Amino acid sequence: MNTELKVGDPAPKFEALALGGPYGTGTTLRLEDFAGKHVVLYFYPKDDTPGCTVQACGLRDRWPDFQNVDAAIFGVSIDPLESHRAFIDKFGLPFPLLSDDTGQIVRDYGVWVEKNMAGNVFMGTERSTFIIGPDGLVSAIFRRVKPDEHTGLVLEALKQG
């Protein structure tokens, strides 16, 4: 996608392998599978790194609160399935992770960006979250979200509908 997604835009369609939660060892999912339901795609840089762990465990710890909202929640990274499986097992994550091993989803959502760490410039995934409404339109976007603030922002947005 050439332009940055905005609230109200149609959500880019995707197909990916989901691992964990109700999808166990892996199920291929498409955005269309969730028509009529809220979908949360939270993009994170890398499994089992400090910020990504804080973000994932924040969702895990508030998981009962998410049971009161009708939403499918997925973590998305370019990590391979084996890495996702280890991350889910190590931290007892109750929600599925999507494997974007081709990088197509991160590109379509505009979160594959140039990063600069300690003077090293490289491409990587921007920590961002997109909430897709039941109508298939983007209803909320949280870019460069702080890991420890992520869960509260997502819950509040879902409660508002």
Protein backbone atom coordinates (compact mmCIF):
# COMPACT_ATOMS: atom_id res chain seq x y z
CA MET A 1 0.00 0.00 0.00
CA ASN A 2 1.46 3.35 -1.03
CA THR A 3 -0.44 5.65 1.32
CA GLU A 4 -0.76 5.51 5.07
CA LEU A 5 -3.98 3.94 6.29
CA LYS A 6 -6.47 6.23 7.99
CA VAL A 7 -9.53 5.63 10.13
CA GLY A 8 -12.43 4.93 7.76
CA ASP A 9 -10.28 3.26 5.09
CA PRO A 10 -11.08 -0.30 4.02
CA ALA A 11 -8.79 -2.68 5.90
CA PRO A 12 -6.30 -4.44 3.64
CA LYS A 13 -7.25 -8.09 3.22
CA PHE A 14 -4.81 -10.70 4.46
CA GLU A 15 -4.27 -14.42 4.59
CA ALA A 16 -1.95 -15.86 7.23
CA LEU A 17 -1.33 -18.85 9.43
CA ALA A 18 -2.67 -18.33 12.97
CA LEU A 19 -1.02 -20.18 15.81
CA GLY A 20 -2.24 -20.42 19.40
CA GLY A 21 -5.50 -19.57 21.12
CA PRO A 22 -8.41 -21.36 19.41
CA TYR A 23 -6.21 -22.12 16.38
CA GLY A 24 -3.85 -24.50 18.17
CA THR A 25 -0.93 -25.58 16.02
CA GLY A 26 -2.03 -23.57 13.01
CA THR A 27 -4.97 -22.56 10.85
CA THR A 28 -4.98 -20.40 7.74
CA LEU A 29 -7.18 -17.35 8.27
CA ARG A 30 -8.37 -14.50 6.07
CA LEU A 31 -9.79 -11.14 7.11
CA GLU A 32 -13.05 -12.12 5.38
CA ASP A 33 -13.45 -14.94 7.93
CA PHE A 34 -14.31 -12.27 10.51
CA ALA A 35 -16.94 -10.27 8.61
CA GLY A 36 -19.37 -8.71 11.08
CA LYS A 37 -16.89 -8.82 13.95
CA HIS A 38 -14.22 -6.47 15.30
CA VAL A 39 -10.65 -7.53 14.48
CA VAL A 40 -7.58 -6.25 16.32
CA LEU A 41 -4.26 -6.59 14.52
CA TYR A 42 -1.40 -5.58 16.73
CA PHE A 43 1.92 -5.48 14.91
CA TYR A 44 5.07 -5.98 16.95
CA PRO A 45 8.76 -6.18 15.99
CA LYS A 46 9.97 -9.51 17.41
CA ASP A 47 8.94 -12.40 19.62
CA ASP A 48 10.41 -12.61 23.13
CA THR A 49 12.05 -9.18 23.19
CA PRO A 50 11.52 -6.84 26.15
CA GLY A 51 8.95 -4.43 24.68
CA CYS A 52 7.09 -7.11 22.75
CA THR A 53 6.89 -9.28 25.85
CA VAL A 54 5.49 -6.41 27.94
CA GLN A 55 2.89 -5.76 25.23
CA ALA A 56 1.85 -9.43 24.86
CA CYS A 57 1.76 -10.07 28.61
CA GLY A 58 -0.36 -6.93 29.09
CA LEU A 59 -2.99 -8.47 26.83
CA ARG A 60 -2.61 -11.84 28.54
CA ASP A 61 -3.06 -10.34 31.99
CA ARG A 62 -6.23 -8.49 30.98
CA TRP A 63 -7.55 -11.33 28.80
CA PRO A 64 -10.71 -11.78 30.93
CA ASP A 65 -11.61 -8.14 30.13
CA PHE A 66 -11.37 -8.90 26.42
CA GLN A 67 -13.89 -11.73 26.78
CA ASN A 68 -16.58 -9.05 27.31
CA VAL A 69 -16.01 -7.50 23.88
CA ASP A 70 -16.77 -9.22 20.60
CA ALA A 71 -13.38 -9.03 18.92
CA ALA A 72 -10.80 -11.33 17.36
CA ILE A 73 -7.33 -10.30 18.55
CA PHE A 74 -4.14 -11.24 16.74
CA GLY A 75 -0.50 -10.37 17.28
CA VAL A 76 1.33 -10.06 13.95
CA SER A 77 5.05 -10.26 13.29
CA ILE A 78 7.36 -11.53 10.59
CA ASP A 79 8.80 -14.16 12.94
CA PRO A 80 8.53 -17.81 11.84
CA LEU A 81 6.04 -20.26 13.34
CA GLU A 82 8.64 -21.90 15.58
CA SER A 83 9.41 -18.55 17.19
CA HIS A 84 5.69 -17.82 17.68
CA ARG A 85 5.15 -21.25 19.25
CA ALA A 86 7.99 -20.70 21.73
CA PHE A 87 6.74 -17.18 22.58
CA ILE A 88 3.18 -18.42 23.19
CA ASP A 89 4.40 -21.34 25.33
CA LYS A 90 6.93 -19.34 27.35
CA PHE A 91 4.45 -16.64 28.37
CA GLY A 92 1.14 -18.56 28.30
CA LEU A 93 -0.41 -16.27 25.70
CA PRO A 94 -4.15 -17.01 25.31
CA PHE A 95 -4.52 -15.25 21.95
CA PRO A 96 -3.23 -16.27 18.52
CA LEU A 97 -0.26 -14.88 16.66
CA LEU A 98 -0.21 -14.51 12.89
CA SER A 99 2.91 -15.44 11.01
CA ASP A 100 3.64 -12.86 8.30
CA ASP A 101 6.73 -14.65 7.05
CA THR A 102 6.48 -13.02 3.59
CA GLY A 103 6.10 -9.52 5.07
CA GLN A 104 3.03 -8.86 2.94
CA ILE A 105 0.74 -7.89 5.81
CA VAL A 106 3.23 -5.48 7.40
CA ARG A 107 3.70 -3.81 4.02
CA ASP A 108 -0.04 -3.63 3.29
CA TYR A 109 -0.72 -2.01 6.67
CA GLY A 110 2.20 0.40 6.26
CA VAL A 111 4.12 -0.75 9.31
CA TRP A 112 7.26 -2.01 7.53
CA VAL A 113 9.37 1.09 8.11
CA GLU A 114 12.91 2.36 8.27
CA LYS A 115 14.24 2.25 11.82
CA ASN A 116 17.35 3.70 13.40
CA MET A 117 18.88 2.10 16.47
CA ALA A 118 22.22 3.33 17.77
CA GLY A 119 23.07 4.72 14.35
CA ASN A 120 22.19 1.50 12.52
CA VAL A 121 19.49 2.04 9.90
CA PHE A 122 17.39 -0.99 8.97
CA MET A 123 13.87 -2.00 7.96
CA GLY A 124 11.58 -3.41 10.62
CA THR A 125 8.05 -3.60 11.95
CA GLU A 126 6.62 -0.52 13.63
CA ARG A 127 4.73 -1.31 16.84
CA SER A 128 1.22 -0.32 15.74
CA THR A 129 -2.32 -1.55 16.22
CA PHE A 130 -5.29 -1.43 13.87
CA ILE A 131 -8.85 -2.10 14.93
CA ILE A 132 -11.10 -3.14 12.08
CA GLY A 133 -14.84 -2.69 12.52
CA PRO A 134 -17.52 -5.24 11.64
CA ASP A 135 -17.97 -3.36 8.34
CA GLY A 136 -14.36 -4.06 7.29
CA LEU A 137 -13.26 -0.45 7.76
CA VAL A 138 -10.39 0.66 9.99
CA SER A 139 -12.02 2.10 13.12
CA ALA A 140 -8.93 2.94 15.21
CA ILE A 141 -5.17 3.17 14.72
CA PHE A 142 -2.47 3.35 17.37
CA ARG A 143 0.94 3.99 15.80
CA ARG A 144 4.24 3.63 17.64
CA VAL A 145 2.24 2.60 20.70
CA LYS A 146 4.06 2.19 24.01
CA PRO A 147 3.99 -1.47 25.11
CA ASP A 148 2.70 -0.74 28.62
CA GLU A 149 -0.12 1.52 27.34
CA HIS A 150 -1.28 -0.75 24.52
CA THR A 151 -3.81 -2.94 26.36
CA GLY A 152 -5.74 -0.02 27.86
CA LEU A 153 -5.95 1.79 24.53
CA VAL A 154 -7.28 -1.28 22.73
CA LEU A 155 -9.83 -2.11 25.44
CA GLU A 156 -11.14 1.44 25.53
CA ALA A 157 -11.48 1.58 21.74
CA LEU A 158 -13.34 -1.75 21.64
CA LYS A 159 -15.71 -0.70 24.44
CA GLN A 160 -16.58 2.45 22.48
CA GLY A 161 -17.54 0.24 19.56
